[in-house]
Amino acid sequence: MRVTYWLEHAWLDPVVEPGVLLTADGGRVTELRTGVEAPPPGATVLRGLALPGLANAHSHAFHRALRGTVQVGTGTFWTWREFMYSVAYHLTPDSYFDLARATYAEMALAGVTCVGEFHYLHHRPDGRPYADPNAMGEALIAAAAEAGIRITLLDTVYLHGGLTRDGYRPLEGVQARFGDGTAERWHDRWTRLRDGHPAKDGEHARIGAAVHSVRAFSDRDGYADFARWTDGVPTHVHLSEQPAENDACVAVHRRTPARLLADSGFWGRHTTAVHATHLTGEDIGLIGRARSTVCMCPTTERDLADGIGPAPQLRRAGSALSLGSDSHAVIDLLAEARAMELNERLRSRSRGHWTAGQLLRAATEDGHVSLGWPEAGRLETGALADFTVIGLDSVRTAGPAPRLGAETAVFAATAADVRHTVVGGRQVVEDGRHLLVDDVPGALTRSIAAALHG
């Protein structure tokens, strides 16, 4: 389907251009013209500031049910985890589809056009596979399709219940539904999933892989085999999120998590470290030299009191940075971009660690690359026609500026300012209303109630 949009303003990295005519055909941008002062006849007019579609590079869709509950009282990551497990216990393929569909619709309303779903909720609560062993993953893929966004399903290997100084613990309780028993069994199930969703241009789903963490996967399980199986595939891992994880890994393996993975050939351009909060200088060098991406999730990292990761040092070492909303305490990639800079200002007491353009690139192009969509995240001819438009008439964005730039999007706008979202040339959000999912707040309310109460 051929469609033409007239964009009042568009961020064409590195500058904002007024009056941009964008034509899409077959899901891709086929023409991009600047300096078009007035909309031509037949063009769809989108007023505001157009940006490439945002990539939410780290999501756990079922965590959306935790918003407004886990923020009560005191605690740590470990106490938060127990409540998270209680939600994970009740989900079925049907109820997970409903919750993910509503959550992904919320993402579309926030300008997200692609999500990286870090998926480890595989089996029945007692650990027995469903008739289709990938039923839960297929539910997530179908949910993204109905919400109108792209998805990279990062199917996750999760074999152990934790790591202490005394060694690995078995899966316990709800963790039973996370595990496949062995790395080989995970690989068999993952291969079936991957073969059912070949990565073709224009399709909405691609299959990636993940190691949950060094807490959940051991060197005796076969890091080298895992690295060989997933070579060239978007591959993510929770890394050094907590000091306790590092301490246990050093006690058992005599190496940090980053070094343990490096010694098995894990790191590469296709791999992404999520959080990477507590790294040594050697860890930073290992990840940076491999040109691996690091996905920061500043809101979750603040919410769980995890700490502030060494993002500037990782960038200087050679890592690209992407962003995720992780536990979905909020879904706002512009806020995540802003927080990466503001967190570093608090720590360093200096400003300007990134330009607004660099932060926006983390939320768009670099996030898409980390999810295996290198043809997305830019407004240019040949790219996927995925973009979002923020309004310039809200109380946050209104007012004359000497020169409209990426700063308005990164340092003033929020998800509430998203007016339109387009995926593959098709408008998914129009004037702040989702065109494919009716009553997104109602869908969230119903699906969260089902997730909490079974």
Protein backbone atom coordinates (compact mmCIF):
# COMPACT_ATOMS: atom_id res chain seq x y z
CA MET A 1 0.00 0.00 0.00
CA ARG A 2 1.38 3.38 -1.02
CA VAL A 3 0.75 6.26 1.36
CA THR A 4 2.16 9.79 1.66
CA TYR A 5 2.58 11.74 4.87
CA TRP A 6 3.34 15.45 5.24
CA LEU A 7 5.33 15.91 8.44
CA GLU A 8 5.27 19.41 9.91
CA HIS A 9 8.75 18.81 11.37
CA ALA A 10 10.99 15.73 11.30
CA TRP A 11 14.24 14.82 13.03
CA LEU A 12 16.50 13.74 10.19
CA ASP A 13 19.55 12.95 12.25
CA PRO A 14 21.28 15.24 13.15
CA VAL A 15 18.88 18.14 12.45
CA VAL A 16 15.17 18.90 12.48
CA GLU A 17 13.76 19.81 9.08
CA PRO A 18 10.43 21.61 8.53
CA GLY A 19 7.96 20.44 5.90
CA VAL A 20 9.02 16.86 5.11
CA LEU A 21 7.10 14.73 2.62
CA LEU A 22 7.47 11.00 3.34
CA THR A 23 6.12 8.36 0.97
CA ALA A 24 5.91 4.72 2.04
CA ASP A 25 5.26 1.70 -0.13
CA GLY A 26 5.56 -1.94 0.83
CA GLY A 27 6.27 -0.91 4.41
CA ARG A 28 9.40 1.10 3.55
CA VAL A 29 10.23 4.73 2.92
CA THR A 30 10.41 5.16 -0.84
CA GLU A 31 10.73 8.95 -0.99
CA LEU A 32 11.73 11.66 1.49
CA ARG A 33 11.61 15.31 0.47
CA THR A 34 12.44 18.30 2.62
CA GLY A 35 11.36 21.93 2.26
CA VAL A 36 7.75 21.11 1.32
CA GLU A 37 6.06 24.13 2.85
CA ALA A 38 2.44 23.03 2.45
CA PRO A 39 0.79 19.61 2.38
CA PRO A 40 0.11 18.45 -1.19
CA PRO A 41 -3.35 17.11 -2.07
CA GLY A 42 -3.95 13.59 -0.77
CA ALA A 43 -1.18 13.61 1.82
CA THR A 44 -1.97 12.68 5.43
CA VAL A 45 -1.01 15.66 7.58
CA LEU A 46 0.83 14.90 10.81
CA ARG A 47 1.59 18.02 12.84
CA GLY A 48 4.30 18.03 15.46
CA LEU A 49 7.84 16.65 15.51
CA ALA A 50 8.33 13.29 13.78
CA LEU A 51 10.99 10.93 15.12
CA PRO A 52 12.07 7.47 14.01
CA GLY A 53 10.06 4.81 15.82
CA LEU A 54 11.29 4.16 19.35
CA ALA A 55 12.78 0.76 20.19
CA ASN A 56 12.00 -0.63 23.64
CA ALA A 57 14.99 -2.94 23.81
CA HIS A 58 14.17 -4.64 27.11
CA SER A 59 10.67 -5.66 28.15
CA HIS A 60 9.07 -8.19 30.47
CA ALA A 61 5.44 -7.78 29.45
CA PHE A 62 3.99 -9.46 32.53
CA HIS A 63 5.76 -6.99 34.84
CA ARG A 64 3.20 -4.39 33.72
CA ALA A 65 0.88 -5.98 36.32
CA LEU A 66 3.27 -4.85 39.08
CA ARG A 67 2.91 -1.11 38.49
CA GLY A 68 1.60 0.76 41.52
CA THR A 69 1.97 -2.24 43.85
CA VAL A 70 5.68 -3.01 44.24
CA GLN A 71 6.40 0.68 44.89
CA VAL A 72 4.75 0.37 48.34
CA GLY A 73 7.02 0.18 51.39
CA THR A 74 10.68 -0.78 51.54
CA GLY A 75 12.78 -3.60 50.18
CA THR A 76 15.35 -4.55 47.57
CA PHE A 77 15.55 -6.19 44.17
CA TRP A 78 15.31 -9.57 45.92
CA THR A 79 12.07 -8.77 47.79
CA TRP A 80 10.61 -7.27 44.60
CA ARG A 81 11.44 -10.51 42.82
CA GLU A 82 9.23 -12.57 45.12
CA PHE A 83 6.16 -10.48 44.27
CA MET A 84 7.05 -10.71 40.58
CA TYR A 85 7.11 -14.50 40.88
CA SER A 86 3.59 -14.50 42.33
CA VAL A 87 2.31 -12.76 39.19
CA ALA A 88 4.22 -15.11 36.91
CA TYR A 89 2.55 -18.12 38.51
CA HIS A 90 -1.00 -17.36 37.36
CA LEU A 91 -0.49 -16.60 33.66
CA THR A 92 -1.74 -18.87 30.88
CA PRO A 93 -1.18 -18.44 27.13
CA ASP A 94 -4.60 -16.77 26.85
CA SER A 95 -4.21 -14.41 29.80
CA TYR A 96 -0.62 -13.62 28.81
CA PHE A 97 -1.81 -12.72 25.32
CA ASP A 98 -4.38 -10.32 26.78
CA LEU A 99 -1.86 -8.66 29.11
CA ALA A 100 0.86 -8.40 26.46
CA ARG A 101 -1.58 -7.05 23.85
CA ALA A 102 -2.65 -4.26 26.21
CA THR A 103 0.96 -3.56 27.27
CA TYR A 104 2.19 -3.40 23.69
CA ALA A 105 -0.73 -1.13 22.81
CA GLU A 106 0.43 1.17 25.61
CA MET A 107 3.89 1.10 24.03
CA ALA A 108 2.46 2.12 20.65
CA LEU A 109 0.71 5.03 22.37
CA ALA A 110 4.14 5.97 23.75
CA GLY A 111 5.76 5.97 20.29
CA VAL A 112 7.34 2.52 20.50
CA THR A 113 7.34 0.69 17.16
CA CYS A 114 9.51 -2.32 18.14
CA VAL A 115 9.89 -4.21 21.41
CA GLY A 116 12.52 -6.65 22.59
CA GLU A 117 10.65 -9.15 24.78
CA PHE A 118 13.00 -10.94 27.17
CA HIS A 119 10.88 -14.07 27.48
CA TYR A 120 11.43 -16.83 30.03
CA LEU A 121 7.88 -17.71 31.14
CA HIS A 122 7.78 -20.84 28.97
CA HIS A 123 5.84 -23.70 30.55
CA ARG A 124 2.97 -24.61 32.87
CA PRO A 125 3.32 -23.62 36.56
CA ASP A 126 4.58 -27.11 37.43
CA GLY A 127 7.16 -27.02 34.64
CA ARG A 128 5.37 -29.34 32.21
CA PRO A 129 5.39 -28.08 28.62
CA TYR A 130 2.19 -27.02 26.91
CA ALA A 131 1.04 -29.08 23.93
CA ASP A 132 2.80 -26.44 21.88
CA PRO A 133 6.01 -25.95 23.91
CA ASN A 134 6.24 -22.39 22.54
CA ALA A 135 2.63 -21.46 23.34
CA MET A 136 3.62 -18.61 25.66
CA GLY A 137 6.10 -17.15 23.18
CA GLU A 138 3.60 -17.44 20.34
CA ALA A 139 1.08 -15.57 22.51
CA LEU A 140 3.54 -12.68 22.81
CA ILE A 141 4.19 -12.61 19.07
CA ALA A 142 0.45 -12.59 18.35
CA ALA A 143 -0.09 -9.86 20.94
CA ALA A 144 2.47 -7.59 19.28
CA ALA A 145 0.80 -8.15 15.90
CA GLU A 146 -2.61 -7.14 17.25
CA ALA A 147 -1.11 -4.08 18.94
CA GLY A 148 0.52 -3.10 15.63
CA ILE A 149 4.19 -3.12 16.68
CA ARG A 150 7.20 -5.22 15.74
CA ILE A 151 8.73 -7.68 18.18
CA THR A 152 12.01 -9.47 18.68
CA LEU A 153 11.24 -12.41 20.95
CA LEU A 154 14.38 -12.99 23.00
CA ASP A 155 13.67 -16.56 24.02
CA THR A 156 15.58 -17.15 27.23
CA VAL A 157 17.46 -20.12 28.63
CA TYR A 158 16.93 -20.35 32.42
CA LEU A 159 18.21 -23.52 34.11
CA HIS A 160 19.05 -22.65 37.72
CA GLY A 161 17.21 -20.95 40.55
CA GLY A 162 20.10 -18.78 41.65
CA LEU A 163 23.80 -18.57 42.42
CA THR A 164 25.33 -18.21 45.88
CA ARG A 165 28.88 -18.53 47.14
CA ASP A 166 28.07 -22.21 47.71
CA GLY A 167 27.08 -22.81 44.10
CA TYR A 168 24.00 -23.06 41.92
CA ARG A 169 20.54 -23.61 43.36
CA PRO A 170 17.82 -25.71 41.71
CA LEU A 171 14.71 -24.15 40.23
CA GLU A 172 12.10 -23.73 42.96
CA GLY A 173 8.40 -22.88 42.96
CA VAL A 174 7.28 -20.77 40.03
CA GLN A 175 10.80 -20.94 38.56
CA ALA A 176 9.88 -24.42 37.35
CA ARG A 177 7.97 -22.88 34.46
CA PHE A 178 11.07 -20.99 33.33
CA GLY A 179 13.32 -24.00 32.75
CA ASP A 180 13.81 -26.53 29.95
CA GLY A 181 15.97 -28.88 32.03
CA THR A 182 19.10 -28.67 29.90
CA ALA A 183 20.64 -26.30 27.40
CA GLU A 184 20.10 -28.88 24.66
CA ARG A 185 16.36 -29.03 25.38
CA TRP A 186 16.19 -25.24 25.33
CA HIS A 187 17.97 -25.29 21.97
CA ASP A 188 15.53 -27.84 20.54
CA ARG A 189 12.52 -25.75 21.59
CA TRP A 190 14.14 -22.50 20.45
CA THR A 191 15.00 -24.01 17.06
CA ARG A 192 11.35 -24.94 16.50
CA LEU A 193 10.33 -21.38 17.37
CA ARG A 194 12.98 -19.79 15.16
CA ASP A 195 12.20 -22.01 12.19
CA GLY A 196 8.55 -21.03 12.45
CA HIS A 197 9.37 -17.32 12.18
CA PRO A 198 12.05 -16.72 9.53
CA ALA A 199 13.35 -13.16 9.53
CA LYS A 200 12.03 -11.67 6.31
CA ASP A 201 11.85 -7.99 5.51
CA GLY A 202 8.45 -6.58 6.37
CA GLU A 203 7.46 -9.27 8.88
CA HIS A 204 6.54 -8.09 12.35
CA ALA A 205 8.41 -10.75 14.37
CA ARG A 206 12.01 -11.91 14.61
CA ILE A 207 13.44 -14.50 16.98
CA GLY A 208 16.41 -13.74 19.17
CA ALA A 209 17.87 -15.50 22.20
CA ALA A 210 18.94 -14.71 25.73
CA VAL A 211 20.75 -16.11 28.72
CA HIS A 212 18.74 -14.96 31.70
CA SER A 213 21.89 -14.31 33.78
CA VAL A 214 24.93 -16.07 35.16
CA ARG A 215 22.68 -16.87 38.13
CA ALA A 216 20.52 -19.01 35.86
CA PHE A 217 23.11 -20.58 33.53
CA SER A 218 26.39 -22.26 34.39
CA ASP A 219 29.59 -22.90 32.49
CA ARG A 220 28.88 -26.62 32.85
CA ASP A 221 25.61 -26.05 30.96
CA GLY A 222 27.60 -25.01 27.92
CA TYR A 223 28.23 -21.30 27.34
CA ALA A 224 30.38 -22.14 24.34
CA ASP A 225 27.59 -24.23 22.79
CA PHE A 226 25.10 -21.46 23.44
CA ALA A 227 27.39 -18.90 21.80
CA ARG A 228 27.79 -21.18 18.77
CA TRP A 229 24.03 -21.80 18.46
CA THR A 230 23.21 -18.10 18.60
CA ASP A 231 26.08 -16.67 16.58
CA GLY A 232 24.74 -13.74 14.56
CA VAL A 233 21.35 -13.83 16.28
CA PRO A 234 20.28 -10.91 18.53
CA THR A 235 21.30 -12.24 21.95
CA HIS A 236 20.80 -10.53 25.31
CA VAL A 237 21.74 -11.22 28.93
CA HIS A 238 21.03 -9.61 32.31
CA LEU A 239 24.52 -8.67 33.46
CA SER A 240 25.83 -7.59 36.86
CA GLU A 241 22.52 -6.10 37.92
CA GLN A 242 23.33 -6.67 41.60
CA PRO A 243 26.62 -6.74 43.57
CA ALA A 244 25.51 -10.05 45.12
CA GLU A 245 25.48 -11.61 41.64
CA ASN A 246 29.07 -10.50 41.05
CA ASP A 247 30.25 -11.68 44.48
CA ALA A 248 28.75 -15.15 44.00
CA CYS A 249 30.16 -15.47 40.48
CA VAL A 250 33.66 -14.55 41.63
CA ALA A 251 33.40 -16.98 44.56
CA VAL A 252 32.31 -19.90 42.35
CA HIS A 253 34.04 -19.16 39.03
CA ARG A 254 36.92 -16.90 40.13
CA ARG A 255 35.77 -14.50 37.44
CA THR A 256 33.26 -11.70 37.03
CA PRO A 257 30.12 -12.43 34.99
CA ALA A 258 31.46 -10.40 32.06
CA ARG A 259 34.75 -12.32 32.06
CA LEU A 260 32.96 -15.68 32.43
CA LEU A 261 30.92 -14.89 29.32
CA ALA A 262 33.93 -13.55 27.43
CA ASP A 263 35.91 -16.73 28.05
CA SER A 264 33.15 -18.68 26.28
CA GLY A 265 33.05 -16.40 23.23
CA PHE A 266 29.71 -14.85 24.16
CA TRP A 267 30.37 -11.18 23.43
CA GLY A 268 30.08 -9.79 19.91
CA ARG A 269 28.31 -7.17 17.83
CA HIS A 270 25.06 -9.15 18.01
CA THR A 271 25.03 -9.36 21.82
CA THR A 272 23.54 -6.93 24.34
CA ALA A 273 24.26 -6.65 28.06
CA VAL A 274 21.18 -5.48 29.95
CA HIS A 275 21.75 -3.19 32.97
CA ALA A 276 25.54 -3.77 33.31
CA THR A 277 25.32 -1.73 36.49
CA HIS A 278 28.22 -3.04 38.56
CA LEU A 279 31.20 -3.51 36.24
CA THR A 280 34.95 -3.48 36.74
CA GLY A 281 37.23 -1.60 34.40
CA GLU A 282 38.20 -4.92 32.80
CA ASP A 283 34.50 -5.77 32.27
CA ILE A 284 33.94 -2.46 30.49
CA GLY A 285 36.87 -3.12 28.20
CA LEU A 286 35.72 -6.65 27.35
CA ILE A 287 32.24 -5.51 26.37
CA GLY A 288 33.42 -2.40 24.57
CA ARG A 289 36.13 -4.10 22.49
CA ALA A 290 33.56 -6.68 21.35
CA ARG A 291 31.31 -3.79 20.21
CA SER A 292 28.46 -5.31 22.19
CA THR A 293 25.51 -3.06 22.96
CA VAL A 294 24.52 -2.18 26.51
CA CYS A 295 20.83 -1.68 27.28
CA MET A 296 20.19 0.73 30.14
CA CYS A 297 16.81 0.79 31.90
CA PRO A 298 17.17 3.87 34.14
CA THR A 299 13.64 3.95 35.56
CA THR A 300 13.71 0.31 36.65
CA GLU A 301 17.26 0.64 37.92
CA ARG A 302 16.12 3.56 40.10
CA ASP A 303 12.88 1.88 41.12
CA LEU A 304 14.67 -1.25 42.34
CA ALA A 305 17.53 0.73 43.91
CA ASP A 306 20.01 -1.14 41.71
CA GLY A 307 22.40 1.75 41.05
CA ILE A 308 23.65 3.78 38.09
CA GLY A 309 25.60 1.93 35.42
CA PRO A 310 28.86 3.22 33.87
CA ALA A 311 27.26 4.31 30.61
CA PRO A 312 29.81 7.01 29.63
CA GLN A 313 32.72 4.63 30.20
CA LEU A 314 31.01 1.91 28.15
CA ARG A 315 30.41 4.34 25.29
CA ARG A 316 34.05 5.42 25.34
CA ALA A 317 35.11 1.75 25.31
CA GLY A 318 33.15 1.14 22.11
CA SER A 319 29.67 0.02 23.16
CA ALA A 320 26.50 1.42 21.63
CA LEU A 321 23.73 2.14 24.13
CA SER A 322 20.07 1.19 23.88
CA LEU A 323 17.15 1.74 26.25
CA GLY A 324 14.36 -0.33 27.77
CA SER A 325 11.42 0.07 30.11
CA ASP A 326 12.08 -3.39 31.65
CA SER A 327 9.60 -3.70 34.56
CA HIS A 328 7.30 -1.03 33.07
CA ALA A 329 7.10 1.14 36.17
CA VAL A 330 6.51 3.61 33.36
CA ILE A 331 6.58 3.08 29.60
CA ASP A 332 8.29 6.19 28.30
CA LEU A 333 11.44 5.86 26.18
CA LEU A 334 11.89 9.63 26.08
CA ALA A 335 12.04 9.63 29.87
CA GLU A 336 14.57 6.78 29.76
CA ALA A 337 16.76 8.75 27.35
CA ARG A 338 16.55 11.84 29.54
CA ALA A 339 17.27 9.84 32.69
CA MET A 340 20.49 8.41 31.30
CA GLU A 341 21.92 11.93 31.08
CA LEU A 342 20.33 13.24 34.29
CA ASN A 343 21.48 10.27 36.36
CA GLU A 344 25.03 10.85 35.22
CA ARG A 345 24.76 14.55 36.07
CA LEU A 346 23.81 13.65 39.63
CA ARG A 347 26.71 11.25 39.96
CA SER A 348 29.36 13.43 38.32
CA ARG A 349 27.99 16.90 39.14
CA SER A 350 28.66 17.96 35.56
CA ARG A 351 26.40 18.30 32.50
CA GLY A 352 26.49 17.30 28.87
CA HIS A 353 27.61 13.67 28.84
CA TRP A 354 25.54 13.08 25.69
CA THR A 355 23.97 15.34 23.13
CA ALA A 356 20.21 15.12 22.71
CA GLY A 357 20.84 13.53 19.33
CA GLN A 358 22.98 10.79 20.85
CA LEU A 359 20.31 10.04 23.44
CA LEU A 360 17.63 9.94 20.76
CA ARG A 361 19.80 7.61 18.70
CA ALA A 362 19.99 5.22 21.68
CA ALA A 363 16.17 5.18 21.79
CA THR A 364 15.83 4.62 18.04
CA GLU A 365 18.56 3.37 15.70
CA ASP A 366 20.85 1.71 18.23
CA GLY A 367 17.93 0.02 19.96
CA HIS A 368 16.69 -1.40 16.68
CA VAL A 369 20.16 -2.71 15.82
CA SER A 370 20.38 -4.49 19.18
CA LEU A 371 17.05 -6.20 18.36
CA GLY A 372 18.06 -7.33 14.90
CA TRP A 373 16.23 -4.64 12.89
CA PRO A 374 19.13 -2.66 11.35
CA GLU A 375 16.81 -1.36 8.61
CA ALA A 376 14.71 0.54 11.18
CA GLY A 377 15.27 3.48 13.51
CA ARG A 378 16.07 6.11 10.88
CA LEU A 379 14.00 8.39 8.68
CA GLU A 380 15.60 7.84 5.30
CA THR A 381 14.85 6.28 1.94
CA GLY A 382 14.92 2.49 2.10
CA ALA A 383 14.33 2.27 5.83
CA LEU A 384 11.26 0.70 7.36
CA ALA A 385 8.48 3.29 7.48
CA ASP A 386 8.26 3.28 11.28
CA PHE A 387 7.98 6.63 13.03
CA THR A 388 6.19 8.55 15.73
CA VAL A 389 5.11 12.19 16.09
CA ILE A 390 5.15 14.18 19.32
CA GLY A 391 2.89 17.19 19.69
CA LEU A 392 4.42 20.63 20.04
CA ASP A 393 1.33 22.14 21.66
CA SER A 394 1.24 20.53 25.12
CA VAL A 395 2.15 22.29 28.36
CA ARG A 396 5.51 20.51 28.18
CA THR A 397 6.44 21.29 24.58
CA ALA A 398 4.62 24.56 23.80
CA GLY A 399 6.50 27.80 23.30
CA PRO A 400 8.81 29.30 20.71
CA ALA A 401 12.35 27.99 20.53
CA PRO A 402 15.27 29.63 18.71
CA ARG A 403 15.79 26.37 16.82
CA LEU A 404 13.69 23.24 17.11
CA GLY A 405 15.91 20.27 17.77
CA ALA A 406 16.15 16.89 19.41
CA GLU A 407 16.31 18.67 22.78
CA THR A 408 12.55 19.27 22.70
CA ALA A 409 11.89 15.55 22.37
CA VAL A 410 14.48 14.37 24.89
CA PHE A 411 14.38 17.02 27.59
CA ALA A 412 10.78 18.28 27.46
CA ALA A 413 8.40 15.73 25.92
CA THR A 414 7.01 12.60 27.53
CA ALA A 415 5.05 9.61 26.27
CA ALA A 416 1.89 11.64 26.90
CA ASP A 417 2.91 13.95 24.04
CA VAL A 418 2.85 11.21 21.39
CA ARG A 419 0.15 12.07 18.86
CA HIS A 420 0.75 9.56 16.06
CA THR A 421 2.59 6.28 15.55
CA VAL A 422 3.17 4.67 12.15
CA VAL A 423 4.54 1.14 11.63
CA GLY A 424 5.33 -0.11 8.16
CA GLY A 425 3.58 2.91 6.67
CA ARG A 426 0.33 2.06 8.51
CA GLN A 427 -0.98 4.46 11.12
CA VAL A 428 -1.41 2.62 14.42
CA VAL A 429 -2.00 5.65 16.66
CA GLU A 430 -3.90 8.69 15.44
CA ASP A 431 -4.36 11.83 17.54
CA GLY A 432 -3.44 9.89 20.67
CA ARG A 433 -5.95 7.09 20.01
CA HIS A 434 -4.95 3.50 19.29
CA LEU A 435 -6.61 2.41 16.06
CA LEU A 436 -6.30 -1.35 16.59
CA VAL A 437 -7.01 -1.85 20.31
CA ASP A 438 -10.16 -0.27 21.68
CA ASP A 439 -9.98 1.26 25.16
CA VAL A 440 -6.37 0.49 26.05
CA PRO A 441 -6.82 1.55 29.72
CA GLY A 442 -9.78 -0.82 30.02
CA ALA A 443 -7.81 -3.63 28.38
CA LEU A 444 -4.98 -3.06 30.85
CA THR A 445 -7.35 -3.05 33.83
CA ARG A 446 -9.01 -6.32 32.84
CA SER A 447 -5.83 -8.17 31.88
CA ILE A 448 -3.93 -7.06 35.01
CA ALA A 449 -6.80 -8.22 37.23
CA ALA A 450 -6.65 -11.62 35.56
CA ALA A 451 -2.85 -11.77 35.97
CA LEU A 452 -3.04 -10.91 39.68
CA HIS A 453 -5.89 -13.21 40.61
CA GLY A 454 -5.68 -16.07 38.13
